[in-house]
Protein backbone atom coordinates (compact mmCIF):
# COMPACT_ATOMS: atom_id res chain seq x y z
CA MET A 1 -30.22 84.90 195.17
CA ARG A 2 -28.40 81.76 194.14
CA HIS A 3 -24.80 81.30 192.84
CA LEU A 4 -23.08 78.37 190.91
CA ILE A 5 -19.33 78.09 192.49
CA ASP A 6 -19.31 74.28 192.86
CA PRO A 7 -21.34 71.68 191.09
CA LEU A 8 -22.68 70.58 194.42
CA ASP A 9 -24.26 74.07 195.01
CA PHE A 10 -27.12 72.38 193.12
CA THR A 11 -28.95 69.44 194.66
CA LEU A 12 -29.23 66.36 192.59
CA GLU A 13 -32.96 66.93 191.72
CA GLU A 14 -32.00 70.84 190.58
CA THR A 15 -29.02 69.49 188.56
CA ASN A 16 -31.36 67.13 186.59
CA ASP A 17 -33.91 69.96 186.33
CA ILE A 18 -31.16 72.16 184.81
CA LEU A 19 -30.41 69.33 182.38
CA ASP A 20 -34.12 69.00 181.24
CA PHE A 21 -34.11 72.84 180.77
CA ALA A 22 -31.10 72.80 178.57
CA ASP A 23 -32.48 70.00 176.45
CA ARG A 24 -35.80 71.85 175.99
CA ILE A 25 -33.72 74.98 174.90
CA GLY A 26 -31.78 72.80 172.42
CA GLN A 27 -34.96 71.57 170.84
CA ASN A 28 -36.61 75.02 170.81
CA ARG A 29 -34.09 77.89 170.79
CA SER A 30 -36.57 80.51 169.29
CA ALA A 31 -38.86 80.03 172.36
CA TYR A 32 -36.07 81.45 174.49
CA ALA A 33 -34.86 84.37 172.14
CA HIS A 34 -36.18 87.20 174.35
CA ILE A 35 -36.50 85.94 177.87
CA ALA A 36 -33.61 87.92 179.04
CA ASP A 37 -34.10 91.08 177.26
CA GLY A 38 -32.58 94.15 179.07
CA LYS A 39 -30.43 91.90 181.16
CA LYS A 40 -26.47 91.99 181.06
CA LEU A 41 -23.84 89.31 181.64
CA ALA A 42 -20.37 90.46 182.80
CA THR A 43 -17.76 88.11 181.80
CA LEU A 44 -14.51 88.53 184.04
CA PHE A 45 -11.98 86.15 182.67
CA TYR A 46 -8.45 86.46 184.19
CA GLU A 47 -7.54 83.68 182.22
CA PRO A 48 -7.19 83.03 178.63
CA SER A 49 -10.30 81.25 177.19
CA THR A 50 -12.07 80.66 173.84
CA ARG A 51 -14.86 78.17 174.25
CA THR A 52 -16.06 78.96 177.66
CA ARG A 53 -16.19 82.92 177.46
CA LEU A 54 -17.68 82.84 173.94
CA SER A 55 -20.18 80.21 174.93
CA PHE A 56 -21.35 82.25 178.01
CA GLU A 57 -21.71 85.20 175.85
CA SER A 58 -23.32 83.33 172.87
CA ALA A 59 -25.74 82.23 175.58
CA MET A 60 -26.69 85.56 176.81
CA LEU A 61 -27.24 86.82 173.43
CA SER A 62 -29.24 83.85 172.53
CA LEU A 63 -31.55 84.76 175.38
CA GLY A 64 -31.92 88.40 174.21
CA GLY A 65 -29.45 89.93 176.83
CA GLN A 66 -26.11 91.74 176.40
CA THR A 67 -22.46 91.01 177.36
CA LEU A 68 -19.81 93.23 178.80
CA GLY A 69 -16.38 92.25 180.37
CA PHE A 70 -12.62 91.53 179.77
CA ALA A 71 -10.64 88.61 178.41
CA GLY A 72 -7.63 88.78 180.37
CA ALA A 73 -6.25 90.02 183.74
CA GLU A 74 -4.16 92.59 182.00
CA GLN A 75 -7.15 94.23 180.76
CA SER A 76 -8.74 94.62 184.19
CA SER A 77 -8.04 96.88 187.24
CA ALA A 78 -6.32 93.78 188.71
CA THR A 79 -3.04 95.46 187.30
CA LYS A 80 -3.55 98.31 189.48
CA GLY A 81 -4.17 96.17 192.52
CA GLU A 82 -7.92 95.98 192.74
CA THR A 83 -9.22 93.10 194.75
CA VAL A 84 -11.53 90.52 193.59
CA ALA A 85 -14.05 91.64 196.45
CA ASP A 86 -13.81 95.28 195.03
CA THR A 87 -14.12 94.11 191.38
CA ALA A 88 -17.22 92.11 192.41
CA ARG A 89 -18.93 95.11 194.11
CA VAL A 90 -18.29 97.22 191.25
CA ILE A 91 -19.45 94.96 188.52
CA SER A 92 -22.52 94.31 190.41
CA CYS A 93 -23.30 97.80 189.45
CA TYR A 94 -23.00 97.34 185.83
CA ALA A 95 -24.52 93.75 185.30
CA ASP A 96 -27.34 91.51 186.35
CA ILE A 97 -25.09 88.10 186.53
CA ILE A 98 -21.32 87.60 186.50
CA ALA A 99 -19.42 84.73 184.85
CA MET A 100 -15.77 84.63 186.35
CA ARG A 101 -12.76 82.66 185.40
CA HIS A 102 -9.61 82.92 187.55
CA PRO A 103 -6.23 81.32 187.98
CA LYS A 104 -6.59 81.30 191.84
CA GLU A 105 -8.69 78.63 193.51
CA GLY A 106 -11.50 80.11 195.58
CA ALA A 107 -11.58 83.55 193.73
CA PRO A 108 -15.08 83.06 192.32
CA LEU A 109 -16.43 81.98 195.80
CA ARG A 110 -14.82 85.14 197.30
CA ALA A 111 -16.56 87.29 194.37
CA SER A 112 -19.73 85.72 195.37
CA MET A 113 -19.32 86.79 198.87
CA TYR A 114 -19.34 90.49 197.85
CA ALA A 115 -21.57 90.52 194.64
CA THR A 116 -25.02 91.58 194.83
CA VAL A 117 -25.78 89.64 191.63
CA PRO A 118 -25.43 85.90 190.91
CA VAL A 119 -21.93 84.74 190.21
CA ILE A 120 -21.10 81.66 188.01
CA ASN A 121 -17.60 80.05 188.62
CA ALA A 122 -16.37 79.55 184.90
CA GLY A 123 -13.13 77.79 186.20
CA ASP A 124 -11.00 78.53 189.16
CA GLY A 125 -7.31 77.22 188.93
CA GLY A 126 -7.10 73.37 189.11
CA HIS A 127 -10.37 73.41 191.41
CA ASN A 128 -13.69 73.46 189.73
CA HIS A 129 -15.59 74.03 186.50
CA PRO A 130 -19.18 73.58 187.34
CA SER A 131 -20.71 74.65 184.13
CA GLN A 132 -18.60 72.37 182.14
CA THR A 133 -19.61 69.60 184.45
CA LEU A 134 -23.29 70.22 183.51
CA ILE A 135 -22.22 70.11 179.84
CA ASP A 136 -20.48 66.76 180.59
CA LEU A 137 -23.58 65.43 182.27
CA LEU A 138 -25.74 66.54 179.49
CA THR A 139 -23.80 64.81 176.98
CA ILE A 140 -23.22 61.72 178.62
CA ARG A 141 -27.02 61.46 179.15
CA GLN A 142 -27.84 62.25 175.78
CA ARG A 143 -25.44 59.54 174.47
CA LYS A 144 -26.11 56.87 177.02
CA GLY A 145 -29.52 57.64 178.14
CA ARG A 146 -28.88 57.66 181.74
CA LEU A 147 -26.27 59.09 184.32
CA ASP A 148 -26.16 55.99 186.62
CA HIS A 149 -24.48 52.42 186.62
CA LEU A 150 -21.74 53.53 184.14
CA THR A 151 -18.08 52.64 184.05
CA VAL A 152 -16.34 56.11 183.31
CA GLY A 153 -12.51 56.31 182.30
CA PHE A 154 -10.85 59.59 182.87
CA CYS A 155 -7.53 59.62 181.03
CA GLY A 156 -4.52 62.29 181.08
CA ASP A 157 -3.98 64.99 183.44
CA LEU A 158 -6.03 64.10 186.49
CA LYS A 159 -4.05 66.02 188.97
CA PHE A 160 -4.59 69.67 187.65
CA GLY A 161 -7.71 68.67 185.50
CA ARG A 162 -10.76 70.75 187.34
CA THR A 163 -13.10 69.38 184.79
CA VAL A 164 -12.37 65.95 186.09
CA HIS A 165 -12.57 66.73 189.63
CA SER A 166 -15.99 68.48 189.11
CA LEU A 167 -17.44 65.64 187.15
CA VAL A 168 -16.23 63.01 189.55
CA ASN A 169 -17.96 64.95 192.38
CA SER A 170 -21.33 65.13 190.37
CA LEU A 171 -21.22 61.35 189.10
CA VAL A 172 -20.94 59.82 192.57
CA ARG A 173 -24.36 61.21 193.42
CA TYR A 174 -25.65 58.78 190.88
CA PRO A 175 -25.79 55.06 191.87
CA GLY A 176 -23.96 52.19 190.43
CA ASN A 177 -21.00 54.28 188.79
CA GLN A 178 -17.48 53.28 188.96
CA PHE A 179 -14.39 55.01 187.74
CA TYR A 180 -10.98 54.30 185.98
CA PHE A 181 -8.44 56.98 186.40
CA ILE A 182 -5.76 56.57 183.65
CA SER A 183 -2.78 58.39 184.19
CA PRO A 184 1.11 58.45 184.73
CA GLU A 185 2.33 58.58 188.38
CA GLU A 186 2.97 62.10 188.24
CA LEU A 187 -0.47 63.15 187.15
CA ARG A 188 -2.89 61.02 189.26
CA VAL A 189 -6.01 62.17 190.77
CA PRO A 190 -5.26 64.35 193.90
CA GLY A 191 -5.60 62.49 197.28
CA TYR A 192 -8.44 64.96 198.56
CA LEU A 193 -10.60 63.73 195.75
CA ILE A 194 -10.10 60.03 197.02
CA ASP A 195 -10.66 61.04 200.59
CA ASP A 196 -13.06 63.33 200.41
CA THR A 197 -15.38 62.05 197.61
CA LEU A 198 -14.54 58.43 196.69
CA LYS A 199 -14.21 56.75 199.81
CA PRO A 200 -17.03 58.49 201.82
CA SER A 201 -19.57 57.61 198.80
CA GLN A 202 -18.02 54.02 198.53
CA THR A 203 -17.68 54.50 194.93
CA PRO A 204 -15.58 51.72 193.26
CA TYR A 205 -12.40 53.20 191.51
CA HIS A 206 -9.25 51.93 189.86
CA GLU A 207 -5.96 53.75 189.08
CA VAL A 208 -4.19 52.42 186.20
CA THR A 209 -1.78 53.37 183.72
CA SER A 210 -2.70 51.76 180.30
CA LEU A 211 -5.41 53.20 177.95
CA GLU A 212 -5.28 50.30 175.79
CA GLU A 213 -6.01 47.64 178.57
CA THR A 214 -8.86 49.74 180.15
CA LEU A 215 -10.88 50.79 176.88
CA PRO A 216 -12.69 47.67 176.61
CA LYS A 217 -14.07 48.11 180.14
CA LEU A 218 -15.52 51.63 179.54
CA ASP A 219 -18.97 53.01 179.02
CA VAL A 220 -17.67 56.59 178.80
CA LEU A 221 -14.05 57.95 178.17
CA TYR A 222 -13.24 61.30 179.12
CA MET A 223 -9.91 62.60 177.60
CA THR A 224 -7.90 65.34 178.99
CA ARG A 225 -4.71 67.38 177.67
CA VAL A 226 -1.86 67.82 179.88
CA GLN A 227 -1.99 71.50 180.85
CA LYS A 228 1.27 73.22 180.11
CA GLU A 229 -0.03 76.32 182.37
CA ARG A 230 -0.06 74.14 185.34
CA PHE A 231 3.52 73.09 185.38
CA PHE A 232 6.22 75.07 187.12
CA ASN A 233 8.88 73.00 185.17
CA GLU A 234 8.61 72.91 181.36
CA GLU A 235 10.75 69.72 181.22
CA ASP A 236 8.19 67.86 183.13
CA TYR A 237 5.47 69.06 180.70
CA ILE A 238 7.43 68.16 177.74
CA ARG A 239 8.11 64.64 179.15
CA LEU A 240 4.38 63.86 180.03
CA LYS A 241 2.52 65.78 177.30
CA GLY A 242 2.32 62.84 174.96
CA THR A 243 1.86 59.96 177.36
CA TYR A 244 -1.61 59.14 175.89
CA ILE A 245 -2.82 59.62 172.59
CA LEU A 246 -6.24 58.10 171.40
CA THR A 247 -6.12 57.32 167.69
CA ARG A 248 -8.76 55.72 165.58
CA GLU A 249 -6.89 52.30 165.67
CA LYS A 250 -6.89 52.27 169.45
CA LEU A 251 -10.48 53.07 169.64
CA GLN A 252 -11.35 49.86 167.75
CA ALA A 253 -10.82 47.98 171.21
CA ALA A 254 -13.64 50.21 172.66
CA LYS A 255 -17.54 49.43 172.85
CA PRO A 256 -19.38 50.63 169.69
CA ASP A 257 -21.50 53.09 171.74
CA MET A 258 -18.68 54.43 174.21
CA PRO A 259 -18.63 58.26 173.72
CA VAL A 260 -15.38 60.00 173.95
CA LEU A 261 -15.47 63.41 175.74
CA HIS A 262 -12.88 66.10 175.95
CA PRO A 263 -13.46 69.63 177.51
CA LEU A 264 -11.10 71.03 174.68
CA PRO A 265 -8.81 72.48 173.74
CA ARG A 266 -7.00 69.41 172.59
CA VAL A 267 -3.28 69.26 171.68
CA ASP A 268 -2.21 66.03 170.40
CA GLU A 269 -4.29 63.50 172.80
CA ILE A 270 -6.81 62.67 170.30
CA THR A 271 -5.84 62.57 166.67
CA ALA A 272 -7.98 63.92 163.91
CA ASP A 273 -9.00 60.77 162.50
CA VAL A 274 -11.09 60.27 165.65
CA ASP A 275 -13.15 63.20 164.79
CA ASN A 276 -15.24 61.11 162.04
CA ASP A 277 -15.95 58.31 164.40
CA SER A 278 -19.52 58.20 165.69
CA ARG A 279 -18.20 57.95 169.23
CA ALA A 280 -16.41 61.38 169.11
CA ALA A 281 -18.62 63.70 171.39
CA TYR A 282 -16.61 66.46 172.12
CA PHE A 283 -17.99 68.81 169.64
CA GLN A 284 -21.54 67.93 170.70
CA GLN A 285 -20.24 69.09 174.17
CA VAL A 286 -19.41 72.47 172.73
CA GLN A 287 -22.95 72.96 171.20
CA ASN A 288 -24.36 71.79 174.61
CA GLY A 289 -22.37 74.45 176.31
CA VAL A 290 -24.64 77.15 174.74
CA TYR A 291 -27.85 75.28 175.94
CA ILE A 292 -26.48 74.44 179.29
CA ARG A 293 -25.27 78.35 179.89
CA MET A 294 -28.48 79.60 178.72
CA ALA A 295 -30.27 77.29 181.00
CA LEU A 296 -28.09 78.53 183.94
CA ILE A 297 -28.26 82.33 183.00
CA ALA A 298 -32.12 82.09 182.88
CA SER A 299 -32.36 79.90 186.12
CA LEU A 300 -30.14 82.02 188.17
CA LEU A 301 -31.73 85.21 187.02
CA GLY A 302 -35.03 83.65 188.27
CA LEU A 303 -36.65 83.83 184.73
CA GLU A 304 -39.52 81.76 183.94
CA ASP A 305 -39.25 78.90 181.32
CA PRO A 306 -41.89 80.02 178.64
CA LEU A 307 -42.74 76.28 177.78
CA THR A 308 -43.50 75.35 181.28
CA GLY A 309 -44.39 78.79 182.90
CA LYS A 310 -42.16 77.94 185.90
CA LYS A 311 -38.94 78.91 187.41
CA VAL A 312 -36.44 76.05 187.50
CA LEU A 313 -34.52 77.08 190.61
CA PRO A 314 -36.19 78.01 193.78
CA CYS A 315 -34.93 81.43 195.14
C-alpha cells in the first residue's frame, strides 16, 4: 500500500509516469470511466476548499467511483475531540482511499500511519500540497515541453505558500533549473527550504523584490496570493496583500511563451485583463487537476491503466 504525503514519496521515474498517465487520461477520458467502479473516496477536509475538494470528487466520479466525506472540521467528530489517528481508523472502514486537508502540518502523515487504505495529502498547513505539485509539473511540461533547464520565478507569499515549497522540492530533481524568489522581506522563502533543499542540490537561486525587473528573465512565473488565514496580525496582512499585482501591461516585459501559473484562488494579484493572454495557464491547471487526481487515485488503488494494461505504481 502506498500513500502520497510528500511530493518526494514518488521517485522521479514514478512522478514522470504519473504525469504520462494523466496526459493519457486527458486525451481519452471515456476509456477510464469505469475503472474504479465500486470504489469509494473519502474527502476529509478540515479546512475550506473549493477546487481541491471538488477536483478530487470529480476525479473519483469520472473513474466510476463514489465519494463521501466532510468539508469543514465543524462537520466532523474533531469537534468532539476525536484524534486524526482514530478518524483514519474509522474512515478506513468506509472508504477505499482518503484525501485529507488539514491546517496542522503533519496531520495527513499521522493519518497514513493508522489508516488501512491509501492516504493522499490534500494540503497540510504551510507544509505540502503534493497533488497540486503534480498539477503544476504537468502544466509546465505541457506549456514548455520539458521540466529541466528552466528559470522559474515564484512571486508573492513564499513563506506560507505550501504549493511553492512542494514545487521547489520537485523541480530541483530535474537538471539545470534555477529559481527567482520574488517577495517582500516578511514573506521570503523559509530558511529550511534553502538549507535542506536548494543548497544540498546546488540549485542556483536569487531572492529579489522586484517583479518588473525579474519578468524578462523567466521561463515560467508562479504567482501566489498573500494568505490571510496564515496571518496572526490582520494589519500585517492588509499591509502586504497588494505588494505584487500582475497586469497585462506588466506582462508585456515577459517572454511570449512564459506561462503564468497560480494555484488559485486569486484575490487581486492577477488582474482580470491577464486572463485572455495566451500565457495565462491557471485555468489549464484547474482542468489538469482532475486528470492528475484521476491518475493518483487509480495508481494508489493499484488499478490497471486500460490503455497500457499495466499498473503505474509498484505496490
